[in-house]
Amino acid sequence: KAKVIYAPREVHLPYGRSAILDCHFRANPPLKNLRWDKDGFLFDPYNVQGVFYRRNGSLYFSRVDESHNGDYTCTPFNELGTDGPSPNIRVIVQRPPVFVVIPRNVYRRKLGESVEIPCDARDGEDNHKPIIVWYKKDGTSLPVGRYSIRDGNLTIINIREEDRGYYQCSATNEAATITAETEIIVENVPPKAPYNLTALAYPNSVHLTWMAGVKRPSTEYSVWYKPAEVGEWKTMKISSKKSLEATISNLNPGREYEFMILSKDDQGDGLFSKSIRVWTKGVNPETSQIAHHIGQKLGPPEDVRIHATQDGYLVIWNPPLVGLEEFKIYIVKWFQGPKEHLVGTADIVKWFQGPKEHLVGTAETKNTSYLITDLEEGFDYTFQVIAMSFSDYQTGSERVPFKVPPYRRIRSVSIGLVTGIAFVALVVLAVYFVKKKFCGPFGANNRKNSK
């Protein structure tokens, strides 16, 4: 038989909101029917506006109001019957809490000062009062030993830099929870520079990593760098505020560069990290040979082919025979005649036009094929695939010529030819039928007369 296994004594439903009243039962065979009673009478959701049965037999109230107060029981049935109704479930319609005092949006304090943030709420029921709780929005704990909560108000003494951030006051009763948010900004905090700046050198680039002096969500970083013997600094802004690394490219091999990191937040410029000096690879004959060996280690792509497909022209090649452990990316280039000028590459995709090369696009691929969809009909093209290593060394395949047939012209000629043949055939047929109709009897009569 179907049996109720649990029934709460009281259930608080939030006034003016949706709510669910569950019936906790066990049924084997499966549930066949479930009956609800309210205050001793059958409670049929089909006859009560705004109340619906759910698939598991629970009651769904689309908008709770005072009429839903009362004592409810549920009785489950299966093919074997029922073990009886549940104990009474007292449903209390309760209004959600409402704030009567909320904190300001922002509180600004200096280091060592104190702050008191008010927060209070009422319940809407005289015999109930919501529970007020304070917490930091980022999940970190309130400052132990330096905060207190009294009558809903949060007080923090001896403000420190780590106290900055967003705080939330929540008011909770049996029906619902509401929250109010505020922010504490700590002023006059001395900036802390990034530290532990380290570098990894390549022939044409240097990869930098560092540690944040102060962890703030608004902190931005920029890299300052220059050749060691030249006084003019260049800067590169780091796009991601969470990133603590950067790669400086387009450097000369075998040259010494100086690097440092500048941090900046909504308070203004911070401090520079300590500068470091780094030689790109190739600084002396020994390292030059190492860099040369690394670059030459990656071989060129092999056996470049071009195939026409329904979607375009597929460029296919084989990977380099040597140095695949150094492989980073492929660059596909195609040039257009009669004067060879680059009109497209993929994946660093490049297009050039005019009598001289003019770069108009780039892209990259790690696959050994690339589909090109925008080749012009009737033109001669030359294709080349370049393999690039992690040290930015590039080695290219042999150039492969390919002519794109003038499909439109061929189609036009074919259509014209077919149309002409059809027209001639129609003329011949027309002449034949006219001759047969008008000349046939005349010819027959002539033969009779001649006899």
Protein backbone atom coordinates (compact mmCIF):
# COMPACT_ATOMS: atom_id res chain seq x y z
CA LYS A 1 0.00 0.00 0.00
CA ALA A 2 1.00 3.61 -0.50
CA LYS A 3 2.24 5.16 2.73
CA VAL A 4 3.15 8.66 3.94
CA ILE A 5 6.67 8.54 5.39
CA TYR A 6 7.12 12.16 6.53
CA ALA A 7 4.96 15.22 7.14
CA PRO A 8 6.24 18.50 8.66
CA ARG A 9 4.18 20.07 11.41
CA GLU A 10 4.40 23.56 9.94
CA VAL A 11 5.14 24.94 6.50
CA HIS A 12 5.56 28.67 5.94
CA LEU A 13 4.57 29.95 2.50
CA PRO A 14 5.65 33.42 1.30
CA TYR A 15 2.76 35.78 0.70
CA GLY A 16 2.49 37.03 -2.90
CA ARG A 17 5.00 34.50 -4.24
CA SER A 18 4.84 31.00 -5.70
CA ALA A 19 5.26 27.99 -3.39
CA ILE A 20 5.05 24.19 -3.29
CA LEU A 21 3.50 21.93 -0.66
CA ASP A 22 4.98 18.42 -0.89
CA CYS A 23 3.60 15.06 0.18
CA HIS A 24 6.38 12.65 1.16
CA PHE A 25 5.25 9.07 0.49
CA ARG A 26 6.40 5.61 -0.56
CA ALA A 27 4.38 3.56 -3.05
CA ASN A 28 5.06 0.10 -4.53
CA PRO A 29 3.30 -0.52 -6.91
CA PRO A 30 3.60 3.07 -8.14
CA LEU A 31 1.31 5.88 -7.08
CA LYS A 32 -2.08 5.81 -8.74
CA ASN A 33 -3.83 8.73 -7.03
CA LEU A 34 -3.18 11.33 -4.32
CA ARG A 35 -5.86 13.14 -2.34
CA TRP A 36 -5.44 16.43 -0.50
CA ASP A 37 -7.72 17.63 2.31
CA LYS A 38 -7.81 21.10 3.85
CA ASP A 39 -9.44 21.73 7.23
CA GLY A 40 -11.22 18.35 7.01
CA PHE A 41 -12.66 18.83 3.51
CA LEU A 42 -11.55 17.62 0.10
CA PHE A 43 -9.12 20.10 -1.47
CA ASP A 44 -9.32 19.70 -5.24
CA PRO A 45 -6.87 21.97 -7.11
CA TYR A 46 -9.02 21.71 -10.22
CA ASN A 47 -11.65 23.75 -8.39
CA VAL A 48 -9.29 26.23 -6.71
CA GLN A 49 -7.94 29.15 -8.73
CA GLY A 50 -4.15 29.48 -8.80
CA VAL A 51 -3.46 26.00 -7.32
CA PHE A 52 -2.27 23.08 -9.47
CA TYR A 53 -1.24 19.45 -9.14
CA ARG A 54 2.35 18.60 -10.00
CA ARG A 55 3.25 15.26 -11.54
CA ASN A 56 4.39 13.86 -8.19
CA GLY A 57 1.15 14.94 -6.49
CA SER A 58 2.56 18.06 -4.81
CA LEU A 59 0.48 21.24 -4.67
CA TYR A 60 1.78 24.24 -6.59
CA PHE A 61 0.54 27.69 -5.52
CA SER A 62 1.15 30.23 -8.28
CA ARG A 63 0.59 33.16 -5.91
CA VAL A 64 0.15 32.57 -2.19
CA ASP A 65 -2.52 34.54 -0.33
CA GLU A 66 -4.26 34.45 3.06
CA SER A 67 -6.89 31.94 1.88
CA HIS A 68 -4.22 29.25 1.72
CA ASN A 69 -3.79 29.21 5.51
CA GLY A 70 -5.03 25.99 7.12
CA ASP A 71 -4.42 22.36 8.07
CA TYR A 72 -3.64 20.08 5.13
CA THR A 73 -3.38 16.28 4.86
CA CYS A 74 -2.37 14.12 1.91
CA THR A 75 -3.42 10.53 1.22
CA PRO A 76 -1.53 8.49 -1.44
CA PHE A 77 -3.11 5.51 -3.26
CA ASN A 78 -1.76 2.72 -5.43
CA GLU A 79 -3.27 -0.52 -6.73
CA LEU A 80 -3.10 -2.04 -3.24
CA GLY A 81 -4.79 0.95 -1.61
CA THR A 82 -3.49 3.36 1.04
CA ASP A 83 -2.04 3.17 4.52
CA GLY A 84 -3.96 6.29 5.52
CA PRO A 85 -3.61 10.08 5.44
CA SER A 86 -0.64 12.05 6.66
CA PRO A 87 -0.66 13.93 9.97
CA ASN A 88 -1.91 17.52 9.79
CA ILE A 89 0.42 19.94 8.03
CA ARG A 90 -0.15 23.47 9.32
CA VAL A 91 0.30 25.93 6.44
CA ILE A 92 1.10 29.45 7.61
CA VAL A 93 1.05 32.20 5.03
CA GLN A 94 3.76 34.63 6.02
CA ARG A 95 4.81 37.86 4.43
CA PRO A 96 8.50 38.09 3.41
CA PRO A 97 10.69 40.47 5.40
CA VAL A 98 10.95 44.11 4.34
CA PHE A 99 13.94 46.39 4.95
CA VAL A 100 13.20 49.45 7.04
CA VAL A 101 16.85 50.61 7.10
CA ILE A 102 19.35 49.81 4.37
CA PRO A 103 23.05 50.72 4.11
CA ARG A 104 24.40 53.33 1.73
CA ASN A 105 25.93 52.19 -1.52
CA VAL A 106 29.51 53.10 -0.53
CA TYR A 107 31.42 53.76 2.71
CA ARG A 108 34.88 55.33 2.41
CA ARG A 109 37.30 54.97 5.29
CA LYS A 110 41.03 55.45 5.85
CA LEU A 111 43.36 52.90 7.36
CA GLY A 112 42.82 52.53 11.13
CA GLU A 113 39.37 54.14 11.16
CA SER A 114 36.07 52.44 12.06
CA VAL A 115 32.81 52.06 10.17
CA GLU A 116 29.25 51.30 11.30
CA ILE A 117 26.83 50.13 8.62
CA PRO A 118 23.11 50.08 9.54
CA CYS A 119 20.65 47.39 8.44
CA ASP A 120 17.19 46.56 9.83
CA ALA A 121 14.10 44.78 8.59
CA ARG A 122 10.57 43.98 9.73
CA ASP A 123 8.59 40.88 9.11
CA GLY A 124 5.03 42.02 8.56
CA GLU A 125 3.92 39.77 11.43
CA ASP A 126 4.02 41.06 14.98
CA ASN A 127 5.07 37.73 16.45
CA HIS A 128 7.92 37.13 14.00
CA LYS A 129 11.17 39.03 13.43
CA PRO A 130 13.57 38.24 10.59
CA ILE A 131 17.09 37.04 11.28
CA ILE A 132 19.72 39.51 10.06
CA VAL A 133 23.13 38.20 8.94
CA TRP A 134 26.15 40.03 7.49
CA TYR A 135 28.77 38.47 5.18
CA LYS A 136 31.29 39.41 2.49
CA LYS A 137 30.10 38.87 -1.05
CA ASP A 138 33.35 37.23 -2.18
CA GLY A 139 32.93 34.48 0.42
CA THR A 140 35.81 35.52 2.70
CA SER A 141 35.11 35.77 6.42
CA LEU A 142 34.47 38.97 8.35
CA PRO A 143 37.57 40.28 10.18
CA VAL A 144 37.86 38.15 13.30
CA GLY A 145 38.11 40.22 16.49
CA ARG A 146 37.44 43.51 14.69
CA TYR A 147 33.73 43.31 13.87
CA SER A 148 30.46 43.17 15.78
CA ILE A 149 26.75 43.01 14.86
CA ARG A 150 24.19 44.70 17.09
CA ASP A 151 20.52 45.27 16.22
CA GLY A 152 21.38 44.42 12.63
CA ASN A 153 24.17 47.02 12.36
CA LEU A 154 27.68 45.91 11.31
CA THR A 155 30.65 47.63 12.96
CA ILE A 156 34.27 47.14 11.88
CA ILE A 157 37.09 48.77 13.83
CA ASN A 158 40.72 49.43 12.90
CA ILE A 159 40.05 49.27 9.15
CA ARG A 160 42.70 47.41 7.14
CA GLU A 161 43.36 47.17 3.44
CA GLU A 162 41.85 43.67 3.20
CA ASP A 163 38.51 44.98 4.55
CA ARG A 164 37.73 46.64 1.22
CA GLY A 165 35.07 44.97 -0.90
CA TYR A 166 31.34 44.27 -1.09
CA TYR A 167 29.25 43.32 1.94
CA GLN A 168 25.69 41.97 2.06
CA CYS A 169 23.04 42.20 4.76
CA SER A 170 20.43 39.44 4.56
CA ALA A 171 17.09 39.34 6.39
CA THR A 172 15.48 35.90 6.64
CA ASN A 173 12.21 34.55 8.00
CA GLU A 174 10.42 31.25 7.41
CA ALA A 175 9.00 32.58 4.15
CA ALA A 176 11.91 34.19 2.29
CA THR A 177 15.33 35.89 2.36
CA ILE A 178 16.08 39.40 1.12
CA THR A 179 19.50 41.08 0.78
CA ALA A 180 20.97 44.58 0.65
CA GLU A 181 24.49 45.34 -0.61
CA THR A 182 27.13 47.95 0.17
CA GLU A 183 30.81 48.54 -0.53
CA ILE A 184 33.69 49.56 1.73
CA ILE A 185 36.49 51.49 0.03
CA VAL A 186 39.74 51.86 1.98
CA GLU A 187 41.54 55.09 1.11
CA ASN A 188 45.20 56.06 1.44
CA VAL A 189 46.40 52.50 0.99
CA PRO A 190 50.08 52.58 0.01
CA PRO A 191 50.59 50.89 -3.36
CA LYS A 192 52.61 47.70 -3.54
CA ALA A 193 54.64 46.96 -6.60
CA PRO A 194 54.56 43.65 -8.49
CA TYR A 195 57.44 41.40 -7.52
CA ASN A 196 59.28 38.21 -8.43
CA LEU A 197 59.54 39.20 -12.10
CA THR A 198 61.05 36.34 -14.12
CA ALA A 199 61.74 35.88 -17.83
CA LEU A 200 62.15 33.10 -20.40
CA ALA A 201 64.09 34.20 -23.49
CA TYR A 202 63.70 33.17 -27.14
CA PRO A 203 65.47 34.54 -30.24
CA ASN A 204 62.67 37.03 -31.06
CA SER A 205 60.59 37.18 -27.88
CA VAL A 206 60.67 37.12 -24.08
CA HIS A 207 57.96 35.58 -21.88
CA LEU A 208 57.48 37.37 -18.52
CA THR A 209 55.73 36.25 -15.33
CA TRP A 210 55.31 38.12 -12.03
CA MET A 211 53.46 38.15 -8.70
CA ALA A 212 50.80 40.72 -7.76
CA GLY A 213 51.76 43.19 -5.05
CA VAL A 214 48.12 43.64 -3.99
CA LYS A 215 45.29 41.41 -5.17
CA ARG A 216 42.56 43.77 -6.32
CA PRO A 217 39.95 43.06 -9.01
CA SER A 218 40.48 46.48 -10.60
CA THR A 219 44.28 46.22 -10.95
CA GLU A 220 45.67 46.60 -14.46
CA TYR A 221 49.22 45.82 -15.56
CA SER A 222 51.47 47.09 -18.30
CA VAL A 223 54.92 45.93 -19.41
CA TRP A 224 57.66 48.53 -19.89
CA TYR A 225 60.65 47.43 -21.94
CA LYS A 226 63.54 48.78 -24.00
CA PRO A 227 66.94 47.75 -25.30
CA ALA A 228 69.38 47.99 -22.41
CA GLU A 229 71.62 50.53 -24.15
CA VAL A 230 68.77 52.82 -25.37
CA GLY A 231 66.86 55.26 -23.16
CA GLU A 232 63.39 55.19 -24.81
CA TRP A 233 60.84 52.91 -23.12
CA LYS A 234 58.01 51.10 -24.90
CA THR A 235 54.85 49.91 -23.15
CA MET A 236 52.40 47.06 -23.67
CA LYS A 237 49.11 46.97 -21.76
CA ILE A 238 47.90 43.59 -20.50
CA SER A 239 44.31 43.12 -21.70
CA SER A 240 43.20 40.72 -18.94
CA LYS A 241 43.15 42.08 -15.38
CA LYS A 242 43.63 38.56 -14.01
CA SER A 243 46.69 37.77 -16.11
CA LEU A 244 50.12 37.80 -14.46
CA GLU A 245 52.14 36.95 -17.57
CA ALA A 246 52.92 38.42 -20.97
CA THR A 247 55.01 37.73 -24.07
CA ILE A 248 56.94 40.56 -25.72
CA SER A 249 57.48 39.79 -29.42
CA ASN A 250 59.34 41.34 -32.35
CA LEU A 251 62.62 41.55 -30.45
CA ASN A 252 66.04 41.27 -32.05
CA PRO A 253 68.03 38.08 -31.39
CA GLY A 254 71.26 38.36 -29.46
CA ARG A 255 70.35 41.65 -27.77
CA GLU A 256 69.96 42.68 -24.14
CA TYR A 257 66.59 44.15 -23.07
CA GLU A 258 65.35 45.67 -19.83
CA PHE A 259 61.86 44.90 -18.46
CA MET A 260 59.67 46.06 -15.58
CA ILE A 261 55.96 45.85 -14.67
CA LEU A 262 53.69 48.75 -13.69
CA SER A 263 50.46 48.10 -11.74
CA LYS A 264 47.52 50.50 -11.84
CA ASP A 265 44.07 50.49 -10.20
CA ASP A 266 41.15 52.85 -9.61
CA GLN A 267 43.26 54.71 -7.03
CA GLY A 268 45.81 55.74 -9.67
CA ASP A 269 49.27 54.57 -10.70
CA GLY A 270 51.05 52.15 -8.44
CA LEU A 271 54.71 51.27 -8.34
CA PHE A 272 57.09 49.71 -10.80
CA SER A 273 58.53 46.31 -10.11
CA LYS A 274 62.26 45.92 -9.97
CA SER A 275 63.66 45.87 -13.49
CA ILE A 276 65.44 42.86 -14.92
CA ARG A 277 67.77 42.54 -17.90
CA VAL A 278 67.45 39.63 -20.31
CA TRP A 279 69.45 38.59 -23.38
CA THR A 280 67.43 37.20 -26.26
CA LYS A 281 68.96 34.02 -27.64
CA GLY A 282 71.91 34.50 -29.94
CA VAL A 283 73.93 36.74 -27.59
CA ASN A 284 77.19 34.91 -28.29
CA PRO A 285 78.42 32.31 -30.79
CA GLU A 286 77.54 29.42 -28.49
CA THR A 287 73.95 30.57 -27.87
CA SER A 288 73.68 31.61 -31.52
CA GLN A 289 74.44 28.04 -32.53
CA ILE A 290 71.85 26.80 -30.06
CA ALA A 291 69.22 29.19 -31.38
CA HIS A 292 70.15 28.31 -34.97
CA HIS A 293 69.90 24.62 -34.15
CA ILE A 294 66.48 25.07 -32.57
CA GLY A 295 65.22 27.08 -35.54
CA GLN A 296 66.62 24.69 -38.19
CA LYS A 297 65.35 21.68 -36.28
CA LEU A 298 61.83 22.15 -37.69
CA GLY A 299 61.56 21.02 -41.30
CA PRO A 300 59.24 22.43 -43.99
CA PRO A 301 55.76 21.05 -44.78
CA GLU A 302 55.84 18.37 -47.49
CA ASP A 303 53.83 17.49 -50.62
CA VAL A 304 51.44 20.45 -50.87
CA ARG A 305 48.38 19.67 -53.03
CA ILE A 306 45.24 21.57 -54.01
CA HIS A 307 41.89 19.86 -54.68
CA ALA A 308 38.67 21.45 -55.93
CA THR A 309 35.62 20.62 -53.80
CA GLN A 310 31.98 21.69 -53.76
CA ASP A 311 32.72 24.17 -50.99
CA GLY A 312 35.93 25.66 -52.39
CA TYR A 313 39.57 24.64 -52.82
CA LEU A 314 41.19 22.36 -50.25
CA VAL A 315 44.92 22.83 -49.64
CA ILE A 316 46.46 19.64 -48.20
CA TRP A 317 50.02 18.94 -47.07
CA ASN A 318 52.08 16.50 -45.02
CA PRO A 319 53.72 17.56 -41.74
CA PRO A 320 57.47 18.23 -41.56
CA LEU A 321 59.66 15.15 -41.57
CA VAL A 322 61.80 16.45 -38.69
CA GLY A 323 61.38 18.76 -35.70
CA LEU A 324 57.69 18.18 -34.95
CA GLU A 325 58.43 18.60 -31.24
CA GLU A 326 59.25 22.25 -32.04
CA PHE A 327 56.10 22.76 -34.17
CA LYS A 328 53.74 25.59 -33.18
CA ILE A 329 51.49 26.55 -36.13
CA TYR A 330 51.07 26.39 -39.89
CA ILE A 331 50.75 29.45 -42.13
CA VAL A 332 49.10 28.95 -45.52
CA LYS A 333 49.77 31.59 -48.18
CA TRP A 334 48.36 31.98 -51.65
CA PHE A 335 49.44 34.41 -54.36
CA GLN A 336 47.50 35.59 -57.40
CA GLY A 337 48.93 36.20 -60.91
CA PRO A 338 49.78 37.55 -63.40
CA LYS A 339 52.18 39.54 -61.20
CA GLU A 340 52.49 37.40 -58.16
CA HIS A 341 51.08 39.27 -55.16
CA LEU A 342 49.78 37.76 -51.97
CA VAL A 343 45.97 37.95 -51.78
CA GLY A 344 45.31 35.59 -48.89
CA THR A 345 46.74 33.38 -46.22
CA ALA A 346 45.24 31.04 -43.70
CA ASP A 347 45.65 30.58 -40.74
CA ILE A 348 47.76 33.32 -40.16
CA VAL A 349 45.40 34.45 -43.08
CA LYS A 350 46.88 37.17 -45.25
CA TRP A 351 45.62 38.90 -48.38
CA PHE A 352 47.64 41.21 -50.62
CA GLN A 353 46.50 43.05 -53.72
CA GLY A 354 47.86 45.51 -56.26
CA PRO A 355 51.24 45.46 -57.93
CA LYS A 356 52.98 45.21 -54.54
CA GLU A 357 52.23 43.00 -51.56
CA HIS A 358 49.69 44.50 -49.22
CA LEU A 359 48.68 42.62 -46.06
CA VAL A 360 44.93 42.68 -45.46
CA GLY A 361 44.30 39.72 -43.07
CA THR A 362 45.84 36.93 -40.93
CA ALA A 363 44.78 33.64 -39.23
CA GLU A 364 46.29 30.34 -38.00
CA THR A 365 45.75 26.55 -38.17
CA LYS A 366 47.29 23.45 -36.64
CA ASN A 367 45.60 21.10 -39.13
CA THR A 368 47.29 19.71 -42.26
CA SER A 369 44.61 21.10 -44.56
CA TYR A 370 42.78 24.36 -45.16
CA LEU A 371 39.68 25.15 -47.21
CA ILE A 372 39.75 28.38 -49.25
CA THR A 373 36.37 29.58 -50.52
CA ASP A 374 37.10 32.95 -52.11
CA LEU A 375 39.41 32.25 -55.06
CA GLU A 376 38.50 34.08 -58.27
CA GLU A 377 37.76 32.04 -61.38
CA GLY A 378 40.13 32.20 -64.31
CA PHE A 379 43.19 33.30 -62.30
CA ASP A 380 46.56 31.63 -61.71
CA TYR A 381 47.49 31.07 -58.06
CA THR A 382 50.59 29.93 -56.23
CA PHE A 383 50.34 28.25 -52.82
CA GLN A 384 52.89 27.90 -50.05
CA VAL A 385 52.62 26.38 -46.56
CA ILE A 386 54.95 27.59 -43.80
CA ALA A 387 55.66 25.79 -40.52
CA MET A 388 56.44 27.96 -37.48
CA SER A 389 58.23 26.77 -34.33
CA PHE A 390 57.75 27.89 -30.73
CA SER A 391 60.79 30.13 -31.17
CA ASP A 392 59.03 31.83 -34.14
CA TYR A 393 61.39 30.21 -36.66
CA GLN A 394 59.65 29.74 -40.04
CA THR A 395 60.40 27.26 -42.81
CA GLY A 396 58.34 27.10 -46.01
CA SER A 397 57.36 24.44 -48.51
CA GLU A 398 57.94 24.72 -52.24
CA ARG A 399 55.46 26.94 -54.05
CA VAL A 400 52.76 25.03 -55.92
CA PRO A 401 50.99 26.63 -58.94
CA PHE A 402 47.26 26.13 -59.49
CA LYS A 403 44.87 27.59 -62.06
CA VAL A 404 41.23 28.12 -61.13
CA PRO A 405 39.11 27.24 -64.18
CA PRO A 406 36.72 29.92 -65.49
CA TYR A 407 33.63 27.95 -64.50
CA ARG A 408 31.22 30.78 -65.21
CA ARG A 409 32.57 31.29 -68.73
CA ILE A 410 32.48 27.55 -69.37
CA ARG A 411 28.93 27.37 -68.06
CA SER A 412 27.92 30.34 -70.22
CA VAL A 413 29.46 28.80 -73.35
CA SER A 414 27.87 25.43 -72.57
CA ILE A 415 24.47 26.99 -72.01
CA GLY A 416 24.81 29.01 -75.23
CA LEU A 417 25.89 25.95 -77.19
CA VAL A 418 23.03 23.83 -75.86
CA THR A 419 20.58 26.65 -76.55
CA GLY A 420 21.88 27.02 -80.14
CA ILE A 421 21.64 23.30 -80.82
CA ALA A 422 18.12 23.22 -79.42
CA PHE A 423 17.14 26.19 -81.59
CA VAL A 424 18.54 24.56 -84.75
CA ALA A 425 16.74 21.33 -83.91
CA LEU A 426 13.47 23.19 -83.47
CA VAL A 427 13.95 24.93 -86.85
CA VAL A 428 14.67 21.61 -88.59
CA LEU A 429 11.63 19.99 -87.01
CA ALA A 430 9.45 22.96 -87.97
CA VAL A 431 10.62 22.80 -91.60
CA TYR A 432 10.04 19.06 -91.68
CA PHE A 433 6.48 19.30 -90.40
CA VAL A 434 5.61 22.21 -92.71
CA LYS A 435 7.01 20.37 -95.69
CA LYS A 436 5.18 17.20 -94.79
CA LYS A 437 1.88 19.01 -94.31
CA PHE A 438 1.87 21.23 -97.37
CA CYS A 439 4.13 19.49 -99.84
CA GLY A 440 3.20 15.85 -99.23
CA PRO A 441 -0.24 15.76 -101.06
CA PHE A 442 1.09 17.87 -103.94
CA GLY A 443 3.90 15.42 -104.52
CA ALA A 444 1.49 12.47 -104.44
CA ASN A 445 -0.87 14.10 -106.97
CA ASN A 446 2.01 14.78 -109.32
CA ARG A 447 2.96 11.11 -109.26
CA LYS A 448 -0.63 10.09 -110.09
CA ASN A 449 -0.87 12.56 -112.98
CA SER A 450 2.37 11.33 -114.40
CA LYS A 451 0.95 7.84 -114.63
